[in-house]
Amino acid sequence: MPQVDEMIEHTKIEAKILHQKIKRKEIAYGGNRNLKIYGTLYCKSGKRMKMENRVFFKTVAQAKEQGYRPCGHCLRAEYKIWKNGLI
């Protein structure tokens, strides 16, 4: 079982445990493993991604440490900061 501070793959966690972790705020962000994008759990884009591509994080710092960038839809302000930092 992954520790709280590790990235969690959606295909490797039971639905019941996932919901418990979200409720306890041990998971606050979702990400797309292929695109290396993270966002809120309520993002429309994130909800459409395939389960095998979905990963979960507790914090933004954790997602950034793994090389993920902010979502341009649900984290627009953070995305603009990230984008301007690259240009």
PDB file of N, CA and C in Angstrom:
ATOM      1  N   MET A   1       0.838  -1.192   0.000  1.00  0.00           N
ATOM      2  CA  MET A   1       0.000   0.000   0.000  1.00  0.00           C
ATOM      3  C   MET A   1       0.881   1.252   0.000  1.00  0.00           C
ATOM      4  N   PRO A   2       0.603   2.239  -0.866  1.00  0.00           N
ATOM      5  CA  PRO A   2       1.437   3.435  -0.927  1.00  0.00           C
ATOM      6  C   PRO A   2       1.312   4.275   0.338  1.00  0.00           C
ATOM      7  N   GLN A   3       2.381   4.995   0.656  1.00  0.00           N
ATOM      8  CA  GLN A   3       2.345   5.921   1.778  1.00  0.00           C
ATOM      9  C   GLN A   3       1.557   7.152   1.364  1.00  0.00           C
ATOM     10  N   VAL A   4       1.161   7.951   2.345  1.00  0.00           N
ATOM     11  CA  VAL A   4       0.354   9.141   2.088  1.00  0.00           C
ATOM     12  C   VAL A   4       1.070  10.119   1.168  1.00  0.00           C
ATOM     13  N   ASP A   5       2.401  10.224   1.268  1.00  0.00           N
ATOM     14  CA  ASP A   5       3.126  11.223   0.500  1.00  0.00           C
ATOM     15  C   ASP A   5       3.567  10.738  -0.876  1.00  0.00           C
ATOM     16  N   GLU A   6       3.144   9.567  -1.290  1.00  0.00           N
ATOM     17  CA  GLU A   6       3.498   9.054  -2.602  1.00  0.00           C
ATOM     18  C   GLU A   6       2.387   9.302  -3.604  1.00  0.00           C
ATOM     19  N   MET A   7       2.780   9.331  -4.879  1.00  0.00           N
ATOM     20  CA  MET A   7       1.797   9.393  -5.953  1.00  0.00           C
ATOM     21  C   MET A   7       1.053   8.055  -5.961  1.00  0.00           C
ATOM     22  N   ILE A   8      -0.259   8.091  -6.112  1.00  0.00           N
ATOM     23  CA  ILE A   8      -1.083   6.886  -6.104  1.00  0.00           C
ATOM     24  C   ILE A   8      -1.682   6.691  -7.487  1.00  0.00           C
ATOM     25  N   GLU A   9      -1.497   5.518  -8.049  1.00  0.00           N
ATOM     26  CA  GLU A   9      -2.090   5.200  -9.352  1.00  0.00           C
ATOM     27  C   GLU A   9      -3.525   4.734  -9.149  1.00  0.00           C
ATOM     28  N   HIS A  10      -4.431   5.244  -9.975  1.00  0.00           N
ATOM     29  CA  HIS A  10      -5.852   4.930  -9.839  1.00  0.00           C
ATOM     30  C   HIS A  10      -6.119   3.432  -9.984  1.00  0.00           C
ATOM     31  N   THR A  11      -5.390   2.768 -10.853  1.00  0.00           N
ATOM     32  CA  THR A  11      -5.625   1.342 -11.078  1.00  0.00           C
ATOM     33  C   THR A  11      -5.114   0.472  -9.932  1.00  0.00           C
ATOM     34  N   LYS A  12      -4.358   1.062  -9.006  1.00  0.00           N
ATOM     35  CA  LYS A  12      -3.780   0.286  -7.908  1.00  0.00           C
ATOM     36  C   LYS A  12      -4.400   0.600  -6.550  1.00  0.00           C
ATOM     37  N   ILE A  13      -5.577   1.213  -6.557  1.00  0.00           N
ATOM     38  CA  ILE A  13      -6.253   1.532  -5.293  1.00  0.00           C
ATOM     39  C   ILE A  13      -7.732   1.187  -5.435  1.00  0.00           C
ATOM     40  N   GLU A  14      -8.292   0.581  -4.412  1.00  0.00           N
ATOM     41  CA  GLU A  14      -9.707   0.224  -4.416  1.00  0.00           C
ATOM     42  C   GLU A  14     -10.549   1.490  -4.279  1.00  0.00           C
ATOM     43  N   ALA A  15     -11.731   1.474  -4.880  1.00  0.00           N
ATOM     44  CA  ALA A  15     -12.620   2.643  -4.864  1.00  0.00           C
ATOM     45  C   ALA A  15     -12.943   3.089  -3.436  1.00  0.00           C
ATOM     46  N   LYS A  16     -13.208   2.142  -2.563  1.00  0.00           N
ATOM     47  CA  LYS A  16     -13.562   2.478  -1.176  1.00  0.00           C
ATOM     48  C   LYS A  16     -12.409   3.190  -0.478  1.00  0.00           C
ATOM     49  N   ILE A  17     -11.197   2.692  -0.657  1.00  0.00           N
ATOM     50  CA  ILE A  17     -10.020   3.311  -0.034  1.00  0.00           C
ATOM     51  C   ILE A  17      -9.761   4.689  -0.641  1.00  0.00           C
ATOM     52  N   LEU A  18      -9.938   4.792  -1.952  1.00  0.00           N
ATOM     53  CA  LEU A  18      -9.771   6.078  -2.626  1.00  0.00           C
ATOM     54  C   LEU A  18     -10.709   7.125  -2.041  1.00  0.00           C
ATOM     55  N   HIS A  19     -11.974   6.780  -1.898  1.00  0.00           N
ATOM     56  CA  HIS A  19     -12.952   7.727  -1.351  1.00  0.00           C
ATOM     57  C   HIS A  19     -12.624   8.105   0.095  1.00  0.00           C
ATOM     58  N   GLN A  20     -12.124   7.144   0.878  1.00  0.00           N
ATOM     59  CA  GLN A  20     -11.727   7.445   2.258  1.00  0.00           C
ATOM     60  C   GLN A  20     -10.568   8.438   2.276  1.00  0.00           C
ATOM     61  N   LYS A  21      -9.593   8.232   1.410  1.00  0.00           N
ATOM     62  CA  LYS A  21      -8.432   9.122   1.353  1.00  0.00           C
ATOM     63  C   LYS A  21      -8.836  10.528   0.915  1.00  0.00           C
ATOM     64  N   ILE A  22      -9.762  10.628  -0.021  1.00  0.00           N
ATOM     65  CA  ILE A  22     -10.250  11.939  -0.458  1.00  0.00           C
ATOM     66  C   ILE A  22     -10.983  12.625   0.697  1.00  0.00           C
ATOM     67  N   LYS A  23     -11.809  11.877   1.388  1.00  0.00           N
ATOM     68  CA  LYS A  23     -12.573  12.433   2.510  1.00  0.00           C
ATOM     69  C   LYS A  23     -11.646  12.915   3.629  1.00  0.00           C
ATOM     70  N   ARG A  24     -10.548  12.179   3.879  1.00  0.00           N
ATOM     71  CA  ARG A  24      -9.583  12.557   4.923  1.00  0.00           C
ATOM     72  C   ARG A  24      -8.553  13.576   4.420  1.00  0.00           C
ATOM     73  N   LYS A  25      -8.715  14.004   3.170  1.00  0.00           N
ATOM     74  CA  LYS A  25      -7.825  14.983   2.527  1.00  0.00           C
ATOM     75  C   LYS A  25      -6.397  14.460   2.372  1.00  0.00           C
ATOM     76  N   GLU A  26      -6.262  13.138   2.241  1.00  0.00           N
ATOM     77  CA  GLU A  26      -4.969  12.535   1.944  1.00  0.00           C
ATOM     78  C   GLU A  26      -4.721  12.556   0.434  1.00  0.00           C
ATOM     79  N   ILE A  27      -5.781  12.820  -0.314  1.00  0.00           N
ATOM     80  CA  ILE A  27      -5.700  13.010  -1.765  1.00  0.00           C
ATOM     81  C   ILE A  27      -6.460  14.296  -2.074  1.00  0.00           C
ATOM     82  N   ALA A  28      -5.801  15.240  -2.747  1.00  0.00           N
ATOM     83  CA  ALA A  28      -6.446  16.514  -3.061  1.00  0.00           C
ATOM     84  C   ALA A  28      -6.353  16.883  -4.543  1.00  0.00           C
ATOM     85  N   TYR A  29      -5.453  16.201  -5.278  1.00  0.00           N
ATOM     86  CA  TYR A  29      -5.239  16.520  -6.688  1.00  0.00           C
ATOM     87  C   TYR A  29      -5.143  15.241  -7.507  1.00  0.00           C
ATOM     88  N   GLY A  30      -5.569  15.355  -8.751  1.00  0.00           N
ATOM     89  CA  GLY A  30      -5.437  14.254  -9.688  1.00  0.00           C
ATOM     90  C   GLY A  30      -4.524  14.665 -10.819  1.00  0.00           C
ATOM     91  N   GLY A  31      -3.910  13.691 -11.447  1.00  0.00           N
ATOM     92  CA  GLY A  31      -3.007  14.003 -12.544  1.00  0.00           C
ATOM     93  C   GLY A  31      -3.115  13.004 -13.670  1.00  0.00           C
ATOM     94  N   ASN A  32      -2.629  13.414 -14.833  1.00  0.00           N
ATOM     95  CA  ASN A  32      -2.582  12.541 -16.001  1.00  0.00           C
ATOM     96  C   ASN A  32      -1.135  12.112 -16.177  1.00  0.00           C
ATOM     97  N   ARG A  33      -0.890  10.831 -16.004  1.00  0.00           N
ATOM     98  CA  ARG A  33       0.465  10.288 -16.057  1.00  0.00           C
ATOM     99  C   ARG A  33       1.119  10.518 -17.416  1.00  0.00           C
ATOM    100  N   ASN A  34       0.351  10.400 -18.504  1.00  0.00           N
ATOM    101  CA  ASN A  34       0.918  10.548 -19.847  1.00  0.00           C
ATOM    102  C   ASN A  34       1.247  11.999 -20.182  1.00  0.00           C
ATOM    103  N   LEU A  35       0.373  12.912 -19.818  1.00  0.00           N
ATOM    104  CA  LEU A  35       0.552  14.320 -20.158  1.00  0.00           C
ATOM    105  C   LEU A  35       1.315  15.104 -19.095  1.00  0.00           C
ATOM    106  N   LYS A  36       1.490  14.505 -17.918  1.00  0.00           N
ATOM    107  CA  LYS A  36       2.187  15.161 -16.803  1.00  0.00           C
ATOM    108  C   LYS A  36       1.499  16.467 -16.402  1.00  0.00           C
ATOM    109  N   ILE A  37       0.161  16.392 -16.263  1.00  0.00           N
ATOM    110  CA  ILE A  37      -0.657  17.536 -15.854  1.00  0.00           C
ATOM    111  C   ILE A  37      -1.380  17.167 -14.564  1.00  0.00           C
ATOM    112  N   TYR A  38      -1.444  18.099 -13.605  1.00  0.00           N
ATOM    113  CA  TYR A  38      -2.235  17.868 -12.386  1.00  0.00           C
ATOM    114  C   TYR A  38      -3.300  18.940 -12.268  1.00  0.00           C
ATOM    115  N   GLY A  39      -4.398  18.586 -11.576  1.00  0.00           N
ATOM    116  CA  GLY A  39      -5.487  19.535 -11.358  1.00  0.00           C
ATOM    117  C   GLY A  39      -6.338  19.109 -10.178  1.00  0.00           C
ATOM    118  N   THR A  40      -7.421  19.829  -9.973  1.00  0.00           N
ATOM    119  CA  THR A  40      -8.319  19.501  -8.868  1.00  0.00           C
ATOM    120  C   THR A  40      -9.063  18.208  -9.177  1.00  0.00           C
ATOM    121  N   LEU A  41      -9.634  17.627  -8.161  1.00  0.00           N
ATOM    122  CA  LEU A  41     -10.399  16.388  -8.344  1.00  0.00           C
ATOM    123  C   LEU A  41     -11.734  16.640  -9.038  1.00  0.00           C
ATOM    124  N   TYR A  42     -12.122  17.897  -9.150  1.00  0.00           N
ATOM    125  CA  TYR A  42     -13.428  18.242  -9.715  1.00  0.00           C
ATOM    126  C   TYR A  42     -13.335  18.816 -11.120  1.00  0.00           C
ATOM    127  N   CYS A  43     -12.165  18.787 -11.718  1.00  0.00           N
ATOM    128  CA  CYS A  43     -11.942  19.334 -13.050  1.00  0.00           C
ATOM    129  C   CYS A  43     -12.653  18.482 -14.111  1.00  0.00           C
ATOM    130  N   LYS A  44     -13.336  19.136 -15.036  1.00  0.00           N
ATOM    131  CA  LYS A  44     -14.017  18.415 -16.113  1.00  0.00           C
ATOM    132  C   LYS A  44     -13.025  17.642 -16.973  1.00  0.00           C
ATOM    133  N   SER A  45     -11.889  18.219 -17.251  1.00  0.00           N
ATOM    134  CA  SER A  45     -10.874  17.540 -18.062  1.00  0.00           C
ATOM    135  C   SER A  45     -10.357  16.302 -17.350  1.00  0.00           C
ATOM    136  N   GLY A  46     -10.117  16.438 -16.074  1.00  0.00           N
ATOM    137  CA  GLY A  46      -9.603  15.319 -15.295  1.00  0.00           C
ATOM    138  C   GLY A  46     -10.588  14.175 -15.194  1.00  0.00           C
ATOM    139  N   LYS A  47     -11.856  14.505 -15.115  1.00  0.00           N
ATOM    140  CA  LYS A  47     -12.882  13.465 -15.008  1.00  0.00           C
ATOM    141  C   LYS A  47     -13.014  12.654 -16.289  1.00  0.00           C
ATOM    142  N   ARG A  48     -12.573  13.224 -17.418  1.00  0.00           N
ATOM    143  CA  ARG A  48     -12.692  12.524 -18.704  1.00  0.00           C
ATOM    144  C   ARG A  48     -11.514  11.593 -18.995  1.00  0.00           C
ATOM    145  N   MET A  49     -10.433  11.716 -18.255  1.00  0.00           N
ATOM    146  CA  MET A  49      -9.247  10.909 -18.583  1.00  0.00           C
ATOM    147  C   MET A  49      -9.461   9.435 -18.239  1.00  0.00           C
ATOM    148  N   LYS A  50      -8.724   8.601 -18.919  1.00  0.00           N
ATOM    149  CA  LYS A  50      -8.810   7.164 -18.690  1.00  0.00           C
ATOM    150  C   LYS A  50      -8.247   6.826 -17.317  1.00  0.00           C
ATOM    151  N   MET A  51      -8.873   5.862 -16.689  1.00  0.00           N
ATOM    152  CA  MET A  51      -8.473   5.441 -15.348  1.00  0.00           C
ATOM    153  C   MET A  51      -7.003   5.017 -15.306  1.00  0.00           C
ATOM    154  N   GLU A  52      -6.534   4.340 -16.346  1.00  0.00           N
ATOM    155  CA  GLU A  52      -5.145   3.861 -16.334  1.00  0.00           C
ATOM    156  C   GLU A  52      -4.123   4.997 -16.434  1.00  0.00           C
ATOM    157  N   ASN A  53      -4.560   6.188 -16.833  1.00  0.00           N
ATOM    158  CA  ASN A  53      -3.668   7.355 -16.919  1.00  0.00           C
ATOM    159  C   ASN A  53      -3.722   8.229 -15.664  1.00  0.00           C
ATOM    160  N   ARG A  54      -4.703   7.981 -14.788  1.00  0.00           N
ATOM    161  CA  ARG A  54      -4.947   8.862 -13.642  1.00  0.00           C
ATOM    162  C   ARG A  54      -4.080   8.486 -12.445  1.00  0.00           C
ATOM    163  N   VAL A  55      -3.498   9.513 -11.831  1.00  0.00           N
ATOM    164  CA  VAL A  55      -2.736   9.371 -10.591  1.00  0.00           C
ATOM    165  C   VAL A  55      -3.239  10.424  -9.605  1.00  0.00           C
ATOM    166  N   PHE A  56      -2.922  10.233  -8.338  1.00  0.00           N
ATOM    167  CA  PHE A  56      -3.393  11.149  -7.304  1.00  0.00           C
ATOM    168  C   PHE A  56      -2.235  11.653  -6.454  1.00  0.00           C
ATOM    169  N   PHE A  57      -2.400  12.902  -5.972  1.00  0.00           N
ATOM    170  CA  PHE A  57      -1.403  13.550  -5.125  1.00  0.00           C
ATOM    171  C   PHE A  57      -2.089  14.178  -3.918  1.00  0.00           C
ATOM    172  N   LYS A  58      -1.329  14.339  -2.851  1.00  0.00           N
ATOM    173  CA  LYS A  58      -1.846  15.044  -1.676  1.00  0.00           C
ATOM    174  C   LYS A  58      -1.664  16.552  -1.823  1.00  0.00           C
ATOM    175  N   THR A  59      -0.523  16.954  -2.384  1.00  0.00           N
ATOM    176  CA  THR A  59      -0.211  18.388  -2.454  1.00  0.00           C
ATOM    177  C   THR A  59       0.276  18.789  -3.848  1.00  0.00           C
ATOM    178  N   VAL A  60       0.236  20.073  -4.099  1.00  0.00           N
ATOM    179  CA  VAL A  60       0.776  20.633  -5.337  1.00  0.00           C
ATOM    180  C   VAL A  60       2.282  20.384  -5.384  1.00  0.00           C
ATOM    181  N   ALA A  61       2.956  20.572  -4.261  1.00  0.00           N
ATOM    182  CA  ALA A  61       4.407  20.365  -4.215  1.00  0.00           C
ATOM    183  C   ALA A  61       4.761  18.938  -4.627  1.00  0.00           C
ATOM    184  N   GLN A  62       3.976  18.002  -4.181  1.00  0.00           N
ATOM    185  CA  GLN A  62       4.211  16.601  -4.533  1.00  0.00           C
ATOM    186  C   GLN A  62       4.080  16.392  -6.040  1.00  0.00           C
ATOM    187  N   ALA A  63       3.060  16.985  -6.642  1.00  0.00           N
ATOM    188  CA  ALA A  63       2.872  16.865  -8.095  1.00  0.00           C
ATOM    189  C   ALA A  63       4.039  17.509  -8.842  1.00  0.00           C
ATOM    190  N   LYS A  64       4.457  18.679  -8.396  1.00  0.00           N
ATOM    191  CA  LYS A  64       5.565  19.380  -9.044  1.00  0.00           C
ATOM    192  C   LYS A  64       6.869  18.590  -8.917  1.00  0.00           C
ATOM    193  N   GLU A  65       7.086  17.969  -7.765  1.00  0.00           N
ATOM    194  CA  GLU A  65       8.285  17.150  -7.568  1.00  0.00           C
ATOM    195  C   GLU A  65       8.347  16.003  -8.571  1.00  0.00           C
ATOM    196  N   GLN A  66       7.188  15.520  -8.982  1.00  0.00           N
ATOM    197  CA  GLN A  66       7.108  14.416  -9.937  1.00  0.00           C
ATOM    198  C   GLN A  66       7.167  14.914 -11.384  1.00  0.00           C
ATOM    199  N   GLY A  67       7.276  16.257 -11.568  1.00  0.00           N
ATOM    200  CA  GLY A  67       7.405  16.824 -12.905  1.00  0.00           C
ATOM    201  C   GLY A  67       6.093  17.167 -13.588  1.00  0.00           C
ATOM    202  N   TYR A  68       5.012  17.290 -12.817  1.00  0.00           N
ATOM    203  CA  TYR A  68       3.703  17.616 -13.380  1.00  0.00           C
ATOM    204  C   TYR A  68       3.512  19.123 -13.411  1.00  0.00           C
ATOM    205  N   ARG A  69       2.735  19.600 -14.385  1.00  0.00           N
ATOM    206  CA  ARG A  69       2.420  21.028 -14.501  1.00  0.00           C
ATOM    207  C   ARG A  69       0.942  21.246 -14.196  1.00  0.00           C
ATOM    208  N   PRO A  70       0.545  22.499 -13.854  1.00  0.00           N
ATOM    209  CA  PRO A  70      -0.861  22.782 -13.534  1.00  0.00           C
ATOM    210  C   PRO A  70      -1.775  22.667 -14.759  1.00  0.00           C
ATOM    211  N   CYS A  71      -3.018  22.295 -14.502  1.00  0.00           N
ATOM    212  CA  CYS A  71      -4.046  22.208 -15.537  1.00  0.00           C
ATOM    213  C   CYS A  71      -4.449  23.617 -15.975  1.00  0.00           C
ATOM    214  N   GLY A  72      -4.609  23.809 -17.272  1.00  0.00           N
ATOM    215  CA  GLY A  72      -5.012  25.102 -17.807  1.00  0.00           C
ATOM    216  C   GLY A  72      -6.488  25.407 -17.616  1.00  0.00           C
ATOM    217  N   HIS A  73      -7.287  24.408 -17.233  1.00  0.00           N
ATOM    218  CA  HIS A  73      -8.725  24.628 -17.033  1.00  0.00           C
ATOM    219  C   HIS A  73      -9.060  24.959 -15.580  1.00  0.00           C
ATOM    220  N   CYS A  74      -8.739  24.041 -14.673  1.00  0.00           N
ATOM    221  CA  CYS A  74      -9.162  24.226 -13.275  1.00  0.00           C
ATOM    222  C   CYS A  74      -8.157  25.029 -12.440  1.00  0.00           C
ATOM    223  N   LEU A  75      -6.924  25.126 -12.894  1.00  0.00           N
ATOM    224  CA  LEU A  75      -5.892  25.888 -12.176  1.00  0.00           C
ATOM    225  C   LEU A  75      -5.317  26.956 -13.102  1.00  0.00           C
ATOM    226  N   ARG A  76      -6.199  27.738 -13.678  1.00  0.00           N
ATOM    227  CA  ARG A  76      -5.831  28.707 -14.706  1.00  0.00           C
ATOM    228  C   ARG A  76      -4.732  29.677 -14.257  1.00  0.00           C
ATOM    229  N   ALA A  77      -4.851  30.228 -13.063  1.00  0.00           N
ATOM    230  CA  ALA A  77      -3.846  31.198 -12.590  1.00  0.00           C
ATOM    231  C   ALA A  77      -2.478  30.536 -12.430  1.00  0.00           C
ATOM    232  N   GLU A  78      -2.458  29.351 -11.836  1.00  0.00           N
ATOM    233  CA  GLU A  78      -1.203  28.621 -11.664  1.00  0.00           C
ATOM    234  C   GLU A  78      -0.612  28.225 -13.016  1.00  0.00           C
ATOM    235  N   TYR A  79      -1.493  27.857 -13.946  1.00  0.00           N
ATOM    236  CA  TYR A  79      -1.051  27.488 -15.292  1.00  0.00           C
ATOM    237  C   TYR A  79      -0.378  28.678 -15.976  1.00  0.00           C
ATOM    238  N   LYS A  80      -0.974  29.872 -15.862  1.00  0.00           N
ATOM    239  CA  LYS A  80      -0.399  31.066 -16.499  1.00  0.00           C
ATOM    240  C   LYS A  80       0.982  31.381 -15.907  1.00  0.00           C
ATOM    241  N   ILE A  81       1.114  31.237 -14.597  1.00  0.00           N
ATOM    242  CA  ILE A  81       2.416  31.449 -13.954  1.00  0.00           C
ATOM    243  C   ILE A  81       3.425  30.437 -14.488  1.00  0.00           C
ATOM    244  N   TRP A  82       3.017  29.183 -14.564  1.00  0.00           N
ATOM    245  CA  TRP A  82       3.895  28.128 -15.081  1.00  0.00           C
ATOM    246  C   TRP A  82       4.294  28.415 -16.527  1.00  0.00           C
ATOM    247  N   LYS A  83       3.307  28.783 -17.342  1.00  0.00           N
ATOM    248  CA  LYS A  83       3.558  29.039 -18.763  1.00  0.00           C
ATOM    249  C   LYS A  83       4.490  30.230 -18.949  1.00  0.00           C
ATOM    250  N   ASN A  84       4.248  31.311 -18.206  1.00  0.00           N
ATOM    251  CA  ASN A  84       5.094  32.504 -18.321  1.00  0.00           C
ATOM    252  C   ASN A  84       6.513  32.235 -17.826  1.00  0.00           C
ATOM    253  N   GLY A  85       6.650  31.301 -16.905  1.00  0.00           N
ATOM    254  CA  GLY A  85       7.974  30.951 -16.410  1.00  0.00           C
ATOM    255  C   GLY A  85       8.799  30.189 -17.443  1.00  0.00           C
ATOM    256  N   LEU A  86       8.127  29.552 -18.405  1.00  0.00           N
ATOM    257  CA  LEU A  86       8.826  28.782 -19.425  1.00  0.00           C
ATOM    258  C   LEU A  86       9.189  29.618 -20.650  1.00  0.00           C
ATOM    259  N   ILE A  87       8.475  30.720 -20.836  1.00  0.00           N
ATOM    260  CA  ILE A  87       8.682  31.522 -22.060  1.00  0.00           C
ATOM    261  C   ILE A  87       9.774  32.537 -21.830  1.00  0.00           C
TER     262      ILE A  87
END
